[in-house]
């Protein structure tokens, strides 16, 4: 007796899950699962991290608009992390403080009367050499980036070139002014302590202010002129040479103008030379300095720096890095 056979149920081929696009992670575009299965990772189902729904890349780092504070922080990091800053400012401190103290001790050991001369004037001698270091650092603040090619990275990170120049100028000015102020205060106090008995001149508050704050502002502003020249020339040695010529050339030319026809030009070169303007900050009523006096040299240097920085900005914007 035969057993009746029942037909086997039809077998259905399993449905294949849709394949992800070429190059996509394995979890992208997976087949739907039960409500107990975990969903695919990512900011949105079906898309992997870094991919936007409409295509393109979405950075996981928060994005915000860059500000001047960011540029200032960047320039401060650069200027304090290079050896040229440490060496130039270190030599500047050594010259301004060391020579000033040596001159004060020398005057004190001779015992000569200074009469109406200001005992604060001892700081002038070290300052004459210290400004060379300020000029050098001002030039290197930007010209060194052109020499190494770092300026391209700087301008890529901050395309606003005016902001870059402003940040460099502010950081350099504040750093130079602060250190120079500490040096001039130290030298002025030492000179007054050692030479007080040899001088009948009693410095007023304004005399102290000009010999410390005024001199520091003047030298830091002169450094801004050097920074502008470095931006224009983009060459360290050339810019430093030009700045040394600006400081020394008027005096050298005036020495060779011996004829009466050039007497007015010779006098102007003497009066408006940078060493003579520095000496004006230490001048007294009994021993006045010919030419600009009081705070006038500072206003002159601020005007020169403003014009130089304006030209540097125009050059930085129009020329390629």
Protein backbone atom coordinates (compact mmCIF):
# COMPACT_ATOMS: atom_id res chain seq x y z
CA UNK A 1 0.00 0.00 0.00
CA UNK A 2 1.57 3.25 -1.05
CA UNK A 3 1.61 6.41 1.01
CA UNK A 4 0.38 9.48 -0.86
CA UNK A 5 3.13 12.04 -1.42
CA UNK A 6 2.44 15.70 -0.83
CA UNK A 7 4.07 18.25 -3.06
CA UNK A 8 6.99 20.16 -1.37
CA UNK A 9 6.30 23.82 -0.64
CA UNK A 10 7.83 26.17 -3.18
CA UNK A 11 11.15 27.64 -2.08
CA UNK A 12 11.64 31.32 -2.51
CA UNK A 13 15.06 32.77 -3.15
CA UNK A 14 16.22 35.10 -0.31
CA UNK A 15 16.08 38.75 -1.10
CA UNK A 16 19.45 40.39 -1.35
CA UNK A 17 20.11 43.59 0.54
CA UNK A 18 20.95 46.62 -1.58
CA UNK A 19 24.68 47.02 -1.99
CA UNK A 20 26.38 50.20 -0.80
CA UNK A 21 28.06 52.42 -3.36
CA UNK A 22 31.65 51.72 -4.29
CA UNK A 23 34.07 52.97 -1.66
CA UNK A 24 31.39 53.34 1.04
CA UNK A 25 31.72 51.73 4.47
CA UNK A 26 30.04 48.37 4.96
CA UNK A 27 27.37 49.70 7.26
CA UNK A 28 26.05 52.27 4.77
CA UNK A 29 22.72 51.50 3.03
CA UNK A 30 22.11 48.25 4.94
CA UNK A 31 18.90 46.29 4.58
CA UNK A 32 16.21 47.17 7.11
CA UNK A 33 16.33 45.12 10.33
CA UNK A 34 13.87 44.52 13.08
CA UNK A 35 13.19 47.23 15.60
CA UNK A 36 15.50 45.45 18.04
CA UNK A 37 18.57 45.72 15.80
CA UNK A 38 20.95 48.67 16.38
CA UNK A 39 20.87 51.43 13.81
CA UNK A 40 23.87 52.23 11.67
CA UNK A 41 26.31 54.71 13.22
CA UNK A 42 26.63 58.21 11.90
CA UNK A 43 24.94 61.54 12.28
CA UNK A 44 22.08 60.32 10.11
CA UNK A 45 21.00 56.81 9.03
CA UNK A 46 22.52 55.86 5.70
CA UNK A 47 25.44 58.36 5.92
CA UNK A 48 28.86 57.82 7.44
CA UNK A 49 30.71 60.41 9.59
CA UNK A 50 32.12 63.28 7.58
CA UNK A 51 29.49 62.99 4.83
CA UNK A 52 26.66 65.45 4.51
CA UNK A 53 23.25 64.33 3.16
CA UNK A 54 23.71 66.51 0.10
CA UNK A 55 27.27 65.37 -0.46
CA UNK A 56 30.53 67.01 0.61
CA UNK A 57 32.49 66.92 3.85
CA UNK A 58 31.43 68.11 7.28
CA UNK A 59 34.33 68.74 9.69
CA UNK A 60 33.93 67.31 13.17
CA UNK A 61 35.87 70.32 14.51
CA UNK A 62 33.69 73.30 15.49
CA UNK A 63 34.12 76.09 12.96
CA UNK A 64 34.02 79.78 13.92
CA UNK A 65 35.14 82.99 12.31
CA UNK A 66 38.77 83.94 13.01
CA UNK A 67 39.33 87.19 14.90
CA UNK A 68 42.18 89.59 15.57
CA UNK A 69 42.69 87.88 18.93
CA UNK A 70 43.50 84.64 17.08
CA UNK A 71 46.07 86.45 14.92
CA UNK A 72 47.61 88.09 18.00
CA UNK A 73 47.92 84.74 19.76
CA UNK A 74 49.52 83.21 16.68
CA UNK A 75 52.06 86.03 16.34
CA UNK A 76 52.87 85.92 20.06
CA UNK A 77 53.53 82.18 19.78
CA UNK A 78 55.84 82.73 16.83
CA UNK A 79 57.82 85.67 18.20
CA UNK A 80 58.50 84.05 21.56
CA UNK A 81 59.45 80.66 20.13
CA UNK A 82 62.25 81.74 17.76
CA UNK A 83 65.86 82.19 18.82
CA UNK A 84 66.29 85.55 17.09
CA UNK A 85 63.90 87.18 19.57
CA UNK A 86 65.78 85.85 22.59
CA UNK A 87 69.17 86.84 21.22
CA UNK A 88 68.29 90.33 19.99
CA UNK A 89 66.35 91.30 23.11
CA UNK A 90 68.99 89.75 25.34
CA UNK A 91 71.75 91.77 23.67
CA UNK A 92 69.57 94.88 23.86
CA UNK A 93 69.13 94.47 27.63
CA UNK A 94 72.85 93.90 28.03
CA UNK A 95 73.74 97.03 26.05
CA UNK A 96 71.16 99.41 27.52
CA UNK A 97 71.59 98.33 31.14
CA UNK A 98 75.27 97.41 31.05
CA UNK A 99 76.57 100.51 29.30
CA UNK A 100 74.25 102.76 31.29
CA UNK A 101 75.51 101.37 34.59
CA UNK A 102 79.14 101.60 33.45
CA UNK A 103 78.73 105.25 32.51
CA UNK A 104 77.03 106.02 35.83
CA UNK A 105 79.82 104.30 37.78
CA UNK A 106 82.43 106.11 35.69
CA UNK A 107 80.91 109.53 36.42
CA UNK A 108 80.62 108.65 40.09
CA UNK A 109 84.25 107.53 40.35
CA UNK A 110 85.60 110.75 38.82
CA UNK A 111 83.69 112.90 41.29
CA UNK A 112 83.19 115.66 38.71
CA UNK A 113 80.25 117.99 39.20
CA UNK A 114 77.47 117.67 36.64
CA UNK A 115 76.07 121.10 37.59
CA UNK A 116 72.66 121.42 35.88
CA UNK A 117 73.06 118.27 33.81
CA UNK A 118 70.51 115.53 34.33
CA UNK A 119 71.84 112.37 36.03
CA UNK A 120 69.26 110.46 33.99
CA UNK A 121 71.33 111.18 30.87
CA UNK A 122 73.55 108.14 31.55
CA UNK A 123 70.88 105.96 29.94
CA UNK A 124 71.42 107.66 26.57
CA UNK A 125 74.76 105.97 25.83
CA UNK A 126 73.51 102.41 26.05
CA UNK A 127 70.35 103.36 24.17
CA UNK A 128 72.36 104.39 21.10
CA UNK A 129 73.50 100.79 20.65
CA UNK A 130 70.30 99.22 21.95
CA UNK A 131 68.21 100.66 19.12
CA UNK A 132 70.23 98.55 16.65
CA UNK A 133 68.81 95.44 18.31
CA UNK A 134 65.30 96.90 18.14
CA UNK A 135 65.72 97.60 14.43
CA UNK A 136 67.03 94.09 13.80
CA UNK A 137 64.13 92.42 15.60
CA UNK A 138 61.60 94.64 13.84
CA UNK A 139 62.91 93.59 10.45
CA UNK A 140 63.17 89.89 11.35
CA UNK A 141 59.59 89.81 12.66
CA UNK A 142 58.33 89.57 9.10
CA UNK A 143 61.33 89.23 6.76
CA UNK A 144 62.34 85.89 8.31
CA UNK A 145 58.98 84.44 7.23
CA UNK A 146 59.66 85.49 3.66
CA UNK A 147 63.09 83.88 3.85
CA UNK A 148 61.76 80.53 5.06
CA UNK A 149 58.49 80.53 3.10
CA UNK A 150 56.41 80.50 6.29
CA UNK A 151 54.61 83.61 5.10
CA UNK A 152 52.57 81.43 2.71
CA UNK A 153 51.31 79.34 5.60
CA UNK A 154 50.56 82.48 7.61
CA UNK A 155 48.54 84.06 4.83
CA UNK A 156 46.73 80.80 4.11
CA UNK A 157 45.67 80.49 7.74
CA UNK A 158 44.71 84.18 7.86
CA UNK A 159 43.87 85.50 4.37
CA UNK A 160 43.18 88.97 5.79
CA UNK A 161 46.62 90.47 5.23
CA UNK A 162 45.84 93.67 7.06
CA UNK A 163 45.02 91.63 10.15
CA UNK A 164 48.34 89.78 9.86
CA UNK A 165 50.32 93.03 9.64
CA UNK A 166 48.37 94.59 12.50
CA UNK A 167 48.92 91.54 14.72
CA UNK A 168 52.66 91.54 14.04
CA UNK A 169 52.91 95.27 14.75
CA UNK A 170 50.93 95.09 18.01
CA UNK A 171 52.82 92.07 19.40
CA UNK A 172 56.23 93.47 18.45
CA UNK A 173 55.45 96.95 19.80
CA UNK A 174 54.15 95.74 23.17
CA UNK A 175 57.02 93.30 23.67
CA UNK A 176 59.72 95.84 22.78
CA UNK A 177 58.13 98.66 24.76
CA UNK A 178 57.76 96.53 27.90
CA UNK A 179 61.36 95.30 27.94
CA UNK A 180 62.80 98.70 27.03
CA UNK A 181 60.73 100.33 29.78
CA UNK A 182 62.14 97.95 32.38
CA UNK A 183 65.68 98.68 31.18
CA UNK A 184 65.32 102.47 31.16
CA UNK A 185 63.68 102.52 34.59
CA UNK A 186 66.53 100.46 36.03
CA UNK A 187 69.24 102.61 34.44
CA UNK A 188 67.53 105.88 35.40
CA UNK A 189 67.17 104.80 39.03
CA UNK A 190 70.81 103.69 39.14
CA UNK A 191 72.01 106.94 37.59
CA UNK A 192 69.97 109.03 40.01
CA UNK A 193 71.18 107.02 43.01
CA UNK A 194 74.87 107.29 42.07
CA UNK A 195 74.97 110.85 40.74
CA UNK A 196 72.40 112.62 42.91
CA UNK A 197 75.10 114.36 44.95
CA UNK A 198 77.04 115.49 41.86
CA UNK A 199 74.14 117.25 40.15
CA UNK A 200 72.07 120.19 41.25
CA UNK A 201 69.31 119.23 38.83
CA UNK A 202 66.26 117.73 40.46
CA UNK A 203 64.32 115.77 37.80
CA UNK A 204 60.62 116.54 37.71
CA UNK A 205 57.91 113.95 37.11
CA UNK A 206 57.88 114.89 33.42
CA UNK A 207 61.67 114.46 33.19
CA UNK A 208 61.37 110.96 34.67
CA UNK A 209 58.50 110.18 32.31
CA UNK A 210 60.44 111.27 29.22
CA UNK A 211 63.57 109.38 30.26
CA UNK A 212 61.65 106.13 30.74
CA UNK A 213 58.23 105.97 29.06
CA UNK A 214 59.06 108.51 26.34
CA UNK A 215 62.30 106.82 25.32
CA UNK A 216 60.66 103.39 25.35
CA UNK A 217 57.77 104.56 23.17
CA UNK A 218 60.19 106.21 20.74
CA UNK A 219 62.39 103.13 20.30
CA UNK A 220 59.42 100.76 19.97
CA UNK A 221 57.91 103.05 17.32
CA UNK A 222 61.26 103.11 15.51
CA UNK A 223 61.03 99.32 15.52
CA UNK A 224 57.66 99.58 13.76
CA UNK A 225 59.36 101.56 11.00
CA UNK A 226 61.87 98.71 10.70
CA UNK A 227 59.00 96.19 10.50
CA UNK A 228 57.43 98.22 7.69
CA UNK A 229 60.73 98.38 5.79
CA UNK A 230 61.09 94.61 6.21
CA UNK A 231 57.62 94.17 4.72
CA UNK A 232 58.48 96.37 1.76
CA UNK A 233 61.88 94.84 0.96
CA UNK A 234 61.18 91.23 2.10
CA UNK A 235 64.92 90.76 2.67
CA UNK A 236 66.49 90.78 6.13
CA UNK A 237 69.98 92.03 5.30
CA UNK A 238 68.73 94.69 2.91
CA UNK A 239 66.09 96.03 5.30
CA UNK A 240 68.53 96.15 8.25
CA UNK A 241 71.06 98.01 6.09
CA UNK A 242 68.44 100.56 5.05
CA UNK A 243 67.41 101.13 8.67
CA UNK A 244 71.02 101.58 9.80
CA UNK A 245 71.39 104.14 7.04
CA UNK A 246 68.30 105.97 8.31
CA UNK A 247 69.82 106.11 11.79
CA UNK A 248 73.42 106.99 10.93
CA UNK A 249 73.48 108.55 7.46
CA UNK A 250 72.14 112.04 8.39
CA UNK A 251 74.95 112.52 10.93
CA UNK A 252 77.60 111.20 8.54
CA UNK A 253 76.42 113.47 5.72
CA UNK A 254 76.26 116.48 8.01
CA UNK A 255 79.92 116.00 8.96
CA UNK A 256 80.97 116.44 5.33
CA UNK A 257 78.84 119.52 4.66
CA UNK A 258 81.48 122.06 5.59
CA UNK A 259 80.54 124.84 3.17
CA UNK A 260 78.39 127.79 4.16
CA UNK A 261 75.98 127.09 1.29
CA UNK A 262 74.99 123.80 2.94
CA UNK A 263 74.85 125.11 6.50
CA UNK A 264 71.05 125.01 6.70
CA UNK A 265 70.90 121.43 5.42
CA UNK A 266 73.71 120.42 7.77
CA UNK A 267 71.87 121.93 10.73
CA UNK A 268 68.63 120.16 9.79
CA UNK A 269 70.44 116.80 9.50
CA UNK A 270 71.93 117.28 12.95
CA UNK A 271 68.69 118.38 14.59
CA UNK A 272 66.41 115.72 13.11
CA UNK A 273 68.82 112.78 13.30
CA UNK A 274 67.63 109.92 15.46
CA UNK A 275 70.50 110.17 18.00
CA UNK A 276 69.74 113.87 18.53
CA UNK A 277 66.02 113.16 18.95
CA UNK A 278 66.85 110.52 21.58
CA UNK A 279 69.01 113.03 23.42
CA UNK A 280 66.06 115.45 23.45
CA UNK A 281 64.25 113.18 25.91
CA UNK A 282 67.01 113.87 28.45
CA UNK A 283 67.38 117.60 27.78
CA UNK A 284 67.03 120.14 30.59
CA UNK A 285 66.32 123.86 30.58
CA UNK A 286 69.94 124.55 31.52
CA UNK A 287 71.30 122.26 28.81
CA UNK A 288 68.74 122.36 25.99
CA UNK A 289 69.08 120.23 22.87
CA UNK A 290 68.96 122.01 19.53
CA UNK A 291 66.08 120.92 17.35
CA UNK A 292 62.91 119.13 18.47
CA UNK A 293 62.57 118.99 22.25
CA UNK A 294 60.21 117.58 24.85
CA UNK A 295 57.74 115.09 23.38
CA UNK A 296 58.05 116.41 19.82
CA UNK A 297 60.46 113.66 18.64
CA UNK A 298 57.87 111.04 19.61
CA UNK A 299 55.14 112.70 17.53
CA UNK A 300 57.55 112.90 14.58
CA UNK A 301 58.40 109.20 14.85
CA UNK A 302 54.72 108.23 15.17
CA UNK A 303 53.99 110.09 11.93
CA UNK A 304 56.88 108.37 10.14
CA UNK A 305 55.77 104.96 11.43
CA UNK A 306 52.17 105.56 10.32
CA UNK A 307 53.30 106.42 6.79
CA UNK A 308 55.69 103.47 6.62
CA UNK A 309 53.06 100.99 7.84
CA UNK A 310 50.56 102.37 5.34
CA UNK A 311 53.01 101.69 2.52
CA UNK A 312 53.75 98.24 3.95
CA UNK A 313 50.03 97.40 4.02
CA UNK A 314 49.58 98.49 0.40
CA UNK A 315 52.55 96.38 -0.64
CA UNK A 316 51.39 93.34 1.34
CA UNK A 317 47.92 93.45 -0.21
CA UNK A 318 48.96 93.94 -3.82
CA UNK A 319 52.00 91.67 -4.04
CA UNK A 320 51.98 87.88 -4.04
CA UNK A 321 53.50 86.01 -1.14
